[in-house]
Every structure is written in C-alpha cells, then in structure tokens.
Amino acid sequence: MNCSDRMQKQYESLGICKEVYEFGRRTEEKLKERFAIFDQTAEWNQMKVISAMQKNRVSAECFGSTSGYGYNDLGRDTLEAVYAECFRGEDALVRPQITCGTHALSLALMSNLRPGDELLSPVGKPYDTLESVIGIRPSKGSLAEYNISYRQADLLEDGSFDYDAIKKAINEKTKLVTIQRSKGYAVRPTLSVKKIGELIAFIKNIKSDVICMVDNCYGEFVEEKEPLEVGADLIVGSLIKNPGGGLAPVGGYIAGRKECVENAAYRLTSPGLGKEVGASLGIMQSFFQGLFLAPTVVNAALKGAVFAANIYEALGFDVLPNGKESRHDIIQSVTFHHPDAMTAFCKGIQAAAPVDSYVTPEPWAMPGYDSDVIMAAGAFVQGSSIELSADGPLKPPYSVYFQGGLTYPHAKFGILMSLQKLYEQNLVNKSLMC
C-alpha cells in the first residue's frame, strides 16, 4: 500500500469517505503556491517576534510567578515591552486580568473617552458584543450612560469606505474612531492594513488629534505589517485568538501610544496604580511561548481558511473571502441559506475536535447576541478562537464563520468532516465533487 492509500485509509478510519477525501486532495493540490506565500509571511513574522524577544532580553526568570499586588513582576513588564516592540507601539498592556477581546475593547474605549465625547465607527455597525458596551443596545455601565455619544458611517455596497459620510460624521465632539479590522458577523470584506492606513490618513487630515483605535482581533500576524505601522494610535486584541498562539489560557492586550495605553492601565487597575500592579499568577511562560508560536499557528489557520474557501466555493456556496482573494484575517465565512446545512457544518467541525468531539453543538442564547448562536468549539482553552472553531447566528442568510486551527492538518480534517456531514445528509451537490 503506497503513502497516498495509507493516508486515505487513515481518514476513512476517522469517518471521511473516499469521495470527500479525494475532493479535498484535489483541492489541496491546487493550493501549493498559495500556501508557499503564507509560509513566507509566517517566516517574516517569526523573525520579528524573535527579534523583539532578544532585544528585550527575555530570560528564564521572566517565567516566574507573582501573586498579590504583583509589584516588580519582571515577566509581565518584559512581555509588555516585547508586545510593544512586535507591534511597533510605544507601550503595551498585556494582562491575564483582561478576560476577552470585548473586555479589551471596552477597556480601551472607556479609558480614553470622557463624558461629552463622541465615538465614531467609519466601518458600519461594530461586532455584536460591542453594542452593549456602546449603548446601542441598552446595558448597565455602557458608554451611553456616561454621556458618550456614538455615530457611525456605513460602508458602501461594495464594502469600500464612504468618505463623504465619514467627513460629515466627524465633528468637534469626535474623540475616538474605532475601526474593526475583521468582518465579525457582517458580510463585508476584512480590512487590509493598507486600507486601514488610508482610512486613518483621511480621518487625521480632517481632525489630527482624534484617537484612531483598531480592533485587531483575528488579524495579528496575517500580514507583515500591523495597524500601528500605518498610523493607528491603538490596537486591541485577545490572547485566546492569534497572538496567544493557542497556549495563552486567558488575557488580552492593548498596544500603541503611551498615553492611551496608560489610560487603559489606570482603568484596568486603579488611578494611581496603573501598570505597577497585577500579578501574573504563573502563566507568563504560556504568554511568551504562545507569542513565539503565534506566526506559525496563524499560518496554519490561514491555510485552513483558504482550503475551506476553495472547497465550498467549488460546491456553489457563497464564501467570503473567495478562494483567490488576498487574506487579512483568519476568518472564513460560508453562506448556506439553510439552517440544516449550517448546523451540519458546525457538527462536522465539532466531530473533528480533539476535545469534546462526541458533543453535538446546539443553538443557544449566548450573552451579548440578539439571536441564538450555534458554536462548534472543541478547544483546549474555552472559547479560544485560534483553535479550530465555527460559529454564527442562526438566522438568514445562515452564514457560518470558520476560524482557527493550531495545525493545518487539524484544520484540514475539520473542513473535510464538515463536508462529510453535509454529504451524508444530501445537503451538497455531489455531482460537483467528481
């Protein structure tokens, strides 16, 4: 038995039929050149991370634990210097006390806005969980309760910026502009770093002192540059997404202008304390090693996303980005226009997981969302979006959002299993797989 036959038998033992396996193999063969380009970006970013670690003299002593107040925490302070260097910022706040991406964004907004200020989104409505933070959806402690107003300029139909609307929206109260890099649950293109830079330059030309913050979730290490390098004042993200490399068990980061980062630190802890306190509680090694692995892990996730795009596009489904578009985050959406197909996809991703593979995902009312959400996430870290996962609101057009994969073989297996579930339920045109 040759190597190809042995591999097919291995997949068959895991539940992938010959037809699905062969369709995946033929698709993968066409992607070799594309994958080689991703490898080059990963290598560039890997050298960038190593350089930042060497420059800031990361040592074994940085992995030690602190408790209580966490005064003089060498690992914490060194890690923040490494993040600042990696992302080309003046300073960074990287803490396990930041519970998630929404918390990090909320912290950045609430620390840099004051009563009477206005927040502007020039890229349409932000991600669902930020609606409560802003006050679009009434919630205790929202920006609206502190008399901070909100305005947005929607994207044009083709997903480009409506520069006329943005110019009209900027006024004397505009203090901070929030730019969501990734699409979230919206059907629109993810923003490239280049496009973000063009938008920031336009905004700063109108009002130079406005703070431009980028929600960088799902975008770290996808390109060679990060938004701080094209004019952003702040970037914000979660450590259980790209930069944690699958090893960070919790945490978030804020990086950029020193004054803005300090404001966030004083909000996270207390006025007068700021970055001086906050125990690392023995997880510094996971934070450092996760960051070290992040470029390679993101590379695996990107390959999985492109593999998924090409698989489902060939089967006639709407995918965003399409199979050939340039990539600016790790998220891949597939629109099924049918709840059964969306559910089958998620069941396949769950069945391919190393953790909780026997669990059947069901839609439920997740906090912060306005409709039931179905989520497949058999992860080592609860909610870790850099691990193989898929989710989406169970409502028309029934789009599922696939992301992650700590290794490419696992991401590939997840996509094949998702297709297997659709294949078994006759929810896919089998003639297109020949």
Protein backbone atom coordinates (compact mmCIF):
# COMPACT_ATOMS: atom_id res chain seq x y z
CA MET A 1 0.00 0.00 0.00
CA ASN A 2 1.52 3.36 -1.04
CA CYS A 3 1.59 6.50 1.13
CA SER A 4 -1.46 8.03 -0.58
CA ASP A 5 -3.57 4.93 0.03
CA ARG A 6 -2.41 4.72 3.65
CA MET A 7 -3.40 8.33 4.23
CA GLN A 8 -6.82 7.74 2.71
CA LYS A 9 -7.33 4.73 4.98
CA GLN A 10 -6.37 6.87 7.97
CA TYR A 11 -9.03 9.42 7.09
CA GLU A 12 -11.57 6.66 6.43
CA SER A 13 -10.95 5.34 9.94
CA LEU A 14 -11.93 8.79 11.22
CA GLY A 15 -15.17 8.88 9.25
CA ILE A 16 -14.19 10.57 5.98
CA CYS A 17 -15.49 8.72 2.93
CA LYS A 18 -13.42 8.21 -0.23
CA GLU A 19 -15.41 10.78 -2.24
CA VAL A 20 -14.91 13.57 0.30
CA TYR A 21 -11.24 12.71 0.81
CA GLU A 22 -10.49 12.73 -2.92
CA PHE A 23 -12.30 16.04 -3.43
CA GLY A 24 -10.22 17.54 -0.64
CA ARG A 25 -6.98 16.09 -2.02
CA ARG A 26 -7.59 17.55 -5.48
CA THR A 27 -8.45 20.94 -3.97
CA GLU A 28 -5.31 20.95 -1.83
CA GLU A 29 -3.08 20.16 -4.81
CA LYS A 30 -4.12 23.44 -6.42
CA LEU A 31 -3.12 25.49 -3.36
CA LYS A 32 0.59 24.70 -3.06
CA GLU A 33 1.79 28.03 -4.48
CA ARG A 34 -0.65 29.97 -2.31
CA PHE A 35 0.48 28.11 0.79
CA ALA A 36 4.12 28.89 -0.02
CA ILE A 37 3.33 32.62 0.12
CA PHE A 38 1.74 32.17 3.55
CA ASP A 39 4.90 30.37 4.67
CA GLN A 40 6.98 33.40 3.69
CA THR A 41 4.80 35.77 5.73
CA ALA A 42 4.98 33.42 8.71
CA GLU A 43 8.77 33.34 8.47
CA TRP A 44 8.93 37.15 8.36
CA ASN A 45 6.73 37.47 11.42
CA GLN A 46 8.56 34.71 13.26
CA MET A 47 11.82 36.65 12.88
CA LYS A 48 10.03 39.79 14.08
CA VAL A 49 8.89 38.05 17.27
CA ILE A 50 12.31 36.53 17.93
CA SER A 51 13.96 39.91 17.40
CA ALA A 52 11.59 41.55 19.91
CA MET A 53 12.28 38.85 22.48
CA GLN A 54 16.03 39.08 22.05
CA LYS A 55 16.05 42.88 22.14
CA ASN A 56 14.14 42.89 25.42
CA ARG A 57 16.34 40.18 26.96
CA VAL A 58 13.70 37.56 27.65
CA SER A 59 15.15 35.10 30.18
CA ALA A 60 14.05 32.10 32.22
CA GLU A 61 13.49 34.49 35.14
CA CYS A 62 10.63 36.05 33.15
CA PHE A 63 8.62 32.86 33.57
CA GLY A 64 8.43 33.13 37.35
CA SER A 65 5.17 33.71 39.21
CA THR A 66 3.99 36.66 41.26
CA SER A 67 0.94 36.96 43.49
CA GLY A 68 -0.86 39.63 45.46
CA TYR A 69 -0.10 43.11 44.16
CA GLY A 70 2.42 41.81 41.64
CA TYR A 71 4.95 44.56 42.25
CA ASN A 72 8.20 44.32 40.23
CA ASP A 73 6.93 41.50 38.02
CA LEU A 74 9.84 41.04 35.60
CA GLY A 75 7.97 38.71 33.27
CA ARG A 76 4.90 40.93 32.99
CA ASP A 77 6.91 44.07 32.31
CA THR A 78 9.20 42.32 29.81
CA LEU A 79 6.26 40.77 27.96
CA GLU A 80 4.65 44.18 27.56
CA ALA A 81 7.90 45.56 26.17
CA VAL A 82 8.03 42.64 23.72
CA TYR A 83 4.46 43.28 22.54
CA ALA A 84 5.20 46.97 22.09
CA GLU A 85 8.27 46.12 20.01
CA CYS A 86 6.48 43.45 17.96
CA PHE A 87 3.56 45.69 17.06
CA ARG A 88 5.69 48.86 16.75
CA GLY A 89 3.98 50.71 19.60
CA GLU A 90 5.32 52.99 22.32
CA ASP A 91 3.82 50.83 25.07
CA ALA A 92 1.57 47.83 25.66
CA LEU A 93 -0.74 46.44 28.31
CA VAL A 94 -0.84 42.61 28.24
CA ARG A 95 -2.70 41.09 31.16
CA PRO A 96 -4.48 37.92 32.28
CA GLN A 97 -6.91 40.23 34.09
CA ILE A 98 -8.31 41.23 30.66
CA THR A 99 -10.88 38.49 30.20
CA CYS A 100 -11.61 38.60 26.46
CA GLY A 101 -11.47 40.71 23.32
CA THR A 102 -14.68 42.57 24.16
CA HIS A 103 -13.25 43.41 27.59
CA ALA A 104 -10.05 44.72 26.00
CA LEU A 105 -12.02 46.90 23.57
CA SER A 106 -14.32 48.14 26.33
CA LEU A 107 -11.28 48.98 28.46
CA ALA A 108 -9.63 50.94 25.65
CA LEU A 109 -12.82 52.88 24.90
CA MET A 110 -13.85 53.67 28.46
CA SER A 111 -10.36 54.77 29.46
CA ASN A 112 -9.84 57.14 26.53
CA LEU A 113 -13.30 58.69 26.26
CA ARG A 114 -14.86 61.19 28.65
CA PRO A 115 -18.42 62.45 29.16
CA GLY A 116 -19.39 64.70 26.26
CA ASP A 117 -17.06 62.92 23.80
CA GLU A 118 -18.30 61.10 20.74
CA LEU A 119 -17.21 57.72 19.39
CA LEU A 120 -17.27 57.18 15.63
CA SER A 121 -17.24 53.93 13.67
CA PRO A 122 -16.44 54.64 10.00
CA VAL A 123 -16.91 50.98 9.01
CA GLY A 124 -20.55 50.44 9.94
CA LYS A 125 -22.03 48.72 12.96
CA PRO A 126 -19.44 47.04 15.16
CA TYR A 127 -19.39 43.44 16.32
CA ASP A 128 -22.49 42.34 18.24
CA THR A 129 -20.92 42.24 21.72
CA LEU A 130 -19.82 45.88 21.43
CA GLU A 131 -23.42 47.05 21.05
CA SER A 132 -23.92 46.74 24.80
CA VAL A 133 -20.60 48.46 25.50
CA ILE A 134 -21.51 51.45 23.34
CA GLY A 135 -25.14 51.54 24.38
CA ILE A 136 -26.68 50.78 21.00
CA ARG A 137 -28.34 48.01 22.98
CA PRO A 138 -29.14 49.47 26.43
CA SER A 139 -26.91 47.96 29.09
CA LYS A 140 -25.68 48.81 32.58
CA GLY A 141 -22.37 50.68 32.51
CA SER A 142 -22.44 51.44 28.78
CA LEU A 143 -20.74 54.46 27.24
CA ALA A 144 -24.18 55.97 26.70
CA GLU A 145 -24.77 56.01 30.48
CA TYR A 146 -21.67 58.18 30.78
CA ASN A 147 -22.98 60.65 28.20
CA ILE A 148 -20.61 59.44 25.50
CA SER A 149 -22.42 59.57 22.18
CA TYR A 150 -21.98 57.32 19.19
CA ARG A 151 -22.10 57.86 15.46
CA GLN A 152 -21.35 55.60 12.52
CA ALA A 153 -20.78 55.83 8.79
CA ASP A 154 -21.82 52.72 6.93
CA LEU A 155 -19.71 51.13 4.25
CA LEU A 156 -20.77 51.43 0.64
CA GLU A 157 -22.45 48.47 -1.04
CA ASP A 158 -19.14 47.21 -2.43
CA GLY A 159 -17.58 47.25 1.05
CA SER A 160 -15.48 50.38 0.46
CA PHE A 161 -15.36 53.42 2.73
CA ASP A 162 -17.99 56.13 2.33
CA TYR A 163 -15.55 59.02 2.64
CA ASP A 164 -18.25 61.67 2.21
CA ALA A 165 -20.30 60.22 5.07
CA ILE A 166 -17.20 59.88 7.26
CA LYS A 167 -16.24 63.52 6.69
CA LYS A 168 -19.77 64.66 7.61
CA ALA A 169 -19.76 62.49 10.75
CA ILE A 170 -16.55 63.94 12.19
CA ASN A 171 -17.27 66.95 14.40
CA GLU A 172 -15.91 68.86 17.39
CA LYS A 173 -17.05 66.10 19.77
CA THR A 174 -15.36 63.25 17.88
CA LYS A 175 -12.66 61.98 20.24
CA LEU A 176 -12.06 58.39 19.18
CA VAL A 177 -12.57 56.44 15.96
CA THR A 178 -12.92 52.67 16.23
CA ILE A 179 -12.02 50.61 13.17
CA GLN A 180 -12.98 46.94 13.18
CA ARG A 181 -10.47 45.11 11.02
CA SER A 182 -12.32 41.80 10.76
CA LYS A 183 -15.83 41.34 9.42
CA GLY A 184 -17.39 39.87 12.55
CA TYR A 185 -20.85 38.58 11.65
CA ALA A 186 -21.20 41.10 8.83
CA VAL A 187 -20.98 40.20 5.16
CA ARG A 188 -18.26 42.63 4.16
CA PRO A 189 -14.55 42.43 3.33
CA THR A 190 -11.98 42.32 6.10
CA LEU A 191 -9.81 45.44 6.01
CA SER A 192 -6.21 45.16 4.94
CA VAL A 193 -3.55 47.05 6.86
CA LYS A 194 -3.04 49.20 3.75
CA LYS A 195 -6.75 50.12 3.63
CA ILE A 196 -6.74 50.88 7.34
CA GLY A 197 -3.79 53.21 6.81
CA GLU A 198 -5.60 55.05 4.03
CA LEU A 199 -8.67 55.48 6.23
CA ILE A 200 -6.64 56.75 9.17
CA ALA A 201 -4.77 59.24 6.97
CA PHE A 202 -8.11 60.59 5.69
CA ILE A 203 -9.51 60.94 9.22
CA LYS A 204 -6.35 62.55 10.64
CA ASN A 205 -6.34 65.04 7.79
CA ILE A 206 -9.78 66.20 8.93
CA LYS A 207 -9.07 66.09 12.68
CA SER A 208 -5.46 65.42 13.59
CA ASP A 209 -5.95 64.89 17.33
CA VAL A 210 -8.58 62.15 17.05
CA ILE A 211 -7.57 58.77 18.51
CA CYS A 212 -7.73 56.01 15.91
CA MET A 213 -8.22 52.60 17.51
CA VAL A 214 -8.17 49.34 15.55
CA ASP A 215 -9.95 46.22 16.73
CA ASN A 216 -7.15 43.90 15.62
CA CYS A 217 -8.85 40.63 16.60
CA TYR A 218 -8.17 37.78 14.15
CA GLY A 219 -5.70 39.91 12.16
CA GLU A 220 -2.42 39.68 14.06
CA PHE A 221 0.47 38.19 12.04
CA VAL A 222 -1.67 37.65 8.94
CA GLU A 223 0.30 40.37 7.13
CA GLU A 224 3.86 41.58 7.56
CA LYS A 225 2.68 44.92 8.97
CA GLU A 226 0.31 45.75 11.82
CA PRO A 227 -2.02 48.78 12.02
CA LEU A 228 0.27 50.79 14.34
CA GLU A 229 2.73 50.95 11.45
CA VAL A 230 0.22 52.80 9.27
CA GLY A 231 -0.93 55.46 11.73
CA ALA A 232 -3.19 53.77 14.30
CA ASP A 233 -2.91 55.10 17.85
CA LEU A 234 -4.13 51.91 19.48
CA ILE A 235 -4.61 48.27 18.54
CA VAL A 236 -6.59 45.90 20.70
CA GLY A 237 -6.97 42.13 20.76
CA SER A 238 -7.46 38.89 22.65
CA LEU A 239 -4.75 36.45 23.66
CA ILE A 240 -7.02 33.46 23.02
CA LYS A 241 -7.04 34.49 19.38
CA ASN A 242 -3.96 34.95 17.18
CA PRO A 243 -1.24 36.35 19.46
CA GLY A 244 -1.66 33.74 22.19
CA GLY A 245 -0.63 31.00 19.78
CA GLY A 246 -3.08 28.55 21.36
CA LEU A 247 -1.11 28.45 24.62
CA ALA A 248 -2.39 31.56 26.39
CA PRO A 249 -5.21 30.39 28.71
CA VAL A 250 -6.75 33.85 29.06
CA GLY A 251 -5.91 37.52 28.50
CA GLY A 252 -5.97 40.48 26.19
CA TYR A 253 -3.71 43.27 25.01
CA ILE A 254 -3.76 46.97 24.18
CA ALA A 255 -0.76 48.46 22.36
CA GLY A 256 0.11 51.83 20.86
CA ARG A 257 0.60 55.39 22.08
CA LYS A 258 1.97 55.51 25.60
CA GLU A 259 -0.64 57.95 26.92
CA CYS A 260 -3.53 55.88 25.59
CA VAL A 261 -2.10 52.65 26.99
CA GLU A 262 -1.52 54.27 30.38
CA ASN A 263 -5.13 55.46 30.43
CA ALA A 264 -6.22 51.86 29.89
CA ALA A 265 -3.93 50.63 32.68
CA TYR A 266 -5.41 53.12 35.16
CA ARG A 267 -8.89 51.97 34.18
CA LEU A 268 -7.97 48.28 34.49
CA THR A 269 -6.49 48.65 37.97
CA SER A 270 -6.98 52.00 39.68
CA PRO A 271 -5.97 55.66 39.36
CA GLY A 272 -2.55 55.98 40.93
CA LEU A 273 -1.71 52.30 40.39
CA GLY A 274 -1.87 51.67 36.64
CA LYS A 275 0.65 49.17 35.27
CA GLU A 276 2.53 48.83 38.56
CA VAL A 277 0.17 46.16 39.90
CA GLY A 278 -1.37 42.99 38.52
CA ALA A 279 0.07 39.59 39.43
CA SER A 280 0.99 37.23 36.59
CA LEU A 281 -0.03 34.15 38.63
CA GLY A 282 2.39 31.74 36.95
CA ILE A 283 1.19 31.97 33.36
CA MET A 284 3.98 34.07 31.87
CA GLN A 285 5.64 31.11 30.15
CA SER A 286 2.38 30.37 28.30
CA PHE A 287 2.14 34.02 27.24
CA PHE A 288 5.72 34.19 25.98
CA GLN A 289 5.70 30.79 24.30
CA GLY A 290 2.27 31.42 22.78
CA LEU A 291 3.51 34.66 21.23
CA PHE A 292 6.59 32.85 19.95
CA LEU A 293 4.40 30.22 18.24
CA ALA A 294 1.77 32.69 17.02
CA PRO A 295 3.14 33.35 13.48
CA THR A 296 3.25 29.62 12.73
CA VAL A 297 -0.15 28.95 14.28
CA VAL A 298 -1.71 31.83 12.35
CA ASN A 299 -0.14 30.40 9.19
CA ALA A 300 -1.89 27.07 9.85
CA ALA A 301 -5.21 28.84 10.41
CA LEU A 302 -4.82 30.81 7.17
CA LYS A 303 -4.16 27.66 5.17
CA GLY A 304 -7.25 26.07 6.69
CA ALA A 305 -9.37 29.11 5.83
CA VAL A 306 -8.22 29.13 2.20
CA PHE A 307 -8.75 25.37 1.94
CA ALA A 308 -12.31 25.86 3.24
CA ALA A 309 -12.97 28.74 0.83
CA ASN A 310 -11.89 26.69 -2.17
CA ILE A 311 -13.81 23.59 -1.06
CA TYR A 312 -17.12 25.34 -0.55
CA GLU A 313 -16.81 27.78 -3.43
CA ALA A 314 -16.34 24.85 -5.80
CA LEU A 315 -19.57 23.38 -4.41
CA GLY A 316 -21.56 26.51 -5.27
CA PHE A 317 -21.78 28.18 -1.88
CA ASP A 318 -21.11 31.87 -1.27
CA VAL A 319 -17.81 32.31 0.54
CA LEU A 320 -16.09 35.42 1.86
CA PRO A 321 -13.27 35.95 1.11
CA ASN A 322 -13.41 33.88 -2.06
CA GLY A 323 -10.85 31.23 -2.84
CA LYS A 324 -8.41 33.59 -4.56
CA GLU A 325 -8.71 36.87 -2.64
CA SER A 326 -5.88 38.19 -0.50
CA ARG A 327 -6.21 37.40 3.21
CA HIS A 328 -6.27 39.94 6.03
CA ASP A 329 -7.65 37.83 8.88
CA ILE A 330 -8.15 34.15 9.68
CA ILE A 331 -11.96 34.13 9.43
CA GLN A 332 -13.74 32.37 6.59
CA SER A 333 -17.48 32.72 6.11
CA VAL A 334 -19.66 30.28 4.18
CA THR A 335 -23.29 31.16 3.47
CA PHE A 336 -25.66 28.21 3.22
CA HIS A 337 -29.10 29.90 3.05
CA HIS A 338 -30.44 26.94 5.03
CA PRO A 339 -30.30 26.24 8.79
CA ASP A 340 -29.79 22.48 8.36
CA ALA A 341 -26.66 22.96 6.26
CA MET A 342 -25.25 25.49 8.72
CA THR A 343 -25.91 23.14 11.62
CA ALA A 344 -24.36 20.18 9.76
CA PHE A 345 -21.21 22.21 9.10
CA CYS A 346 -20.83 23.02 12.81
CA LYS A 347 -21.44 19.40 13.78
CA GLY A 348 -18.62 18.39 11.46
CA ILE A 349 -16.18 20.87 12.99
CA GLN A 350 -17.10 19.64 16.48
CA ALA A 351 -16.72 16.00 15.45
CA ALA A 352 -13.17 16.72 14.26
CA ALA A 353 -12.09 18.26 17.57
CA PRO A 354 -9.54 16.66 19.91
CA VAL A 355 -11.68 17.80 22.87
CA ASP A 356 -15.42 17.13 23.21
CA SER A 357 -15.65 15.53 19.77
CA TYR A 358 -18.64 13.48 20.98
CA VAL A 359 -20.67 16.60 21.80
CA THR A 360 -23.39 17.81 19.42
CA PRO A 361 -23.50 21.63 19.13
CA GLU A 362 -26.93 23.21 19.52
CA PRO A 363 -28.04 26.85 19.05
CA TRP A 364 -28.33 28.82 22.30
CA ALA A 365 -28.77 32.36 23.57
CA MET A 366 -25.16 33.46 24.07
CA PRO A 367 -24.62 36.62 26.19
CA GLY A 368 -24.18 39.74 24.07
CA TYR A 369 -26.01 38.48 20.96
CA ASP A 370 -29.51 39.32 19.70
CA SER A 371 -30.28 35.84 18.30
CA ASP A 372 -29.43 32.22 19.05
CA VAL A 373 -25.87 31.30 18.08
CA ILE A 374 -24.56 27.87 17.17
CA MET A 375 -20.93 27.24 18.02
CA ALA A 376 -18.58 24.34 17.43
CA ALA A 377 -15.54 24.67 19.66
CA GLY A 378 -13.80 21.56 20.90
CA ALA A 379 -10.90 23.53 22.32
CA PHE A 380 -8.23 23.10 24.97
CA VAL A 381 -8.99 26.67 26.10
CA GLN A 382 -12.66 27.57 26.46
CA GLY A 383 -13.71 29.97 23.68
CA SER A 384 -10.27 30.01 22.07
CA SER A 385 -10.86 31.28 18.53
CA ILE A 386 -7.35 30.41 17.36
CA GLU A 387 -8.25 26.78 17.88
CA LEU A 388 -10.47 25.14 15.29
CA SER A 389 -13.98 26.54 15.69
CA ALA A 390 -17.05 27.63 13.79
CA ASP A 391 -20.00 29.71 14.83
CA GLY A 392 -22.70 32.04 13.60
CA PRO A 393 -26.16 33.43 14.41
CA LEU A 394 -28.90 31.03 13.43
CA LYS A 395 -30.79 33.46 11.22
CA PRO A 396 -30.89 34.26 7.48
CA PRO A 397 -28.73 34.10 5.42
CA TYR A 398 -27.38 31.32 7.65
CA SER A 399 -23.72 32.17 7.35
CA VAL A 400 -21.19 30.25 9.40
CA TYR A 401 -17.82 31.72 10.38
CA PHE A 402 -14.92 29.29 10.47
CA GLN A 403 -11.57 30.12 12.01
CA GLY A 404 -8.50 28.72 13.67
CA GLY A 405 -6.55 25.50 13.68
CA LEU A 406 -3.40 25.14 15.75
CA THR A 407 -2.07 22.90 12.99
CA TYR A 408 -3.00 22.81 9.32
CA PRO A 409 -3.70 19.04 9.31
CA HIS A 410 -6.31 19.57 12.01
CA ALA A 411 -7.90 22.49 10.16
CA LYS A 412 -7.99 20.36 7.00
CA PHE A 413 -9.58 17.46 8.85
CA GLY A 414 -12.22 19.78 10.32
CA ILE A 415 -13.22 21.08 6.89
CA LEU A 416 -13.37 17.57 5.45
CA MET A 417 -15.54 16.44 8.37
CA SER A 418 -17.85 19.43 7.90
CA LEU A 419 -18.25 18.43 4.25
CA GLN A 420 -18.78 14.81 5.28
CA LYS A 421 -21.77 15.82 7.42
CA LEU A 422 -23.33 17.76 4.53
CA TYR A 423 -22.56 14.87 2.16
CA GLU A 424 -24.30 12.34 4.42
CA GLN A 425 -27.44 14.50 4.64
CA ASN A 426 -27.54 15.21 0.89
CA LEU A 427 -27.10 18.93 1.58
CA VAL A 428 -24.41 19.32 -1.06
CA ASN A 429 -24.43 18.80 -4.84
CA LYS A 430 -22.42 15.59 -5.06
CA SER A 431 -22.01 15.85 -8.83
CA LEU A 432 -19.74 18.88 -8.30
CA MET A 433 -17.31 16.71 -6.33
CA CYS A 434 -16.49 14.44 -9.27
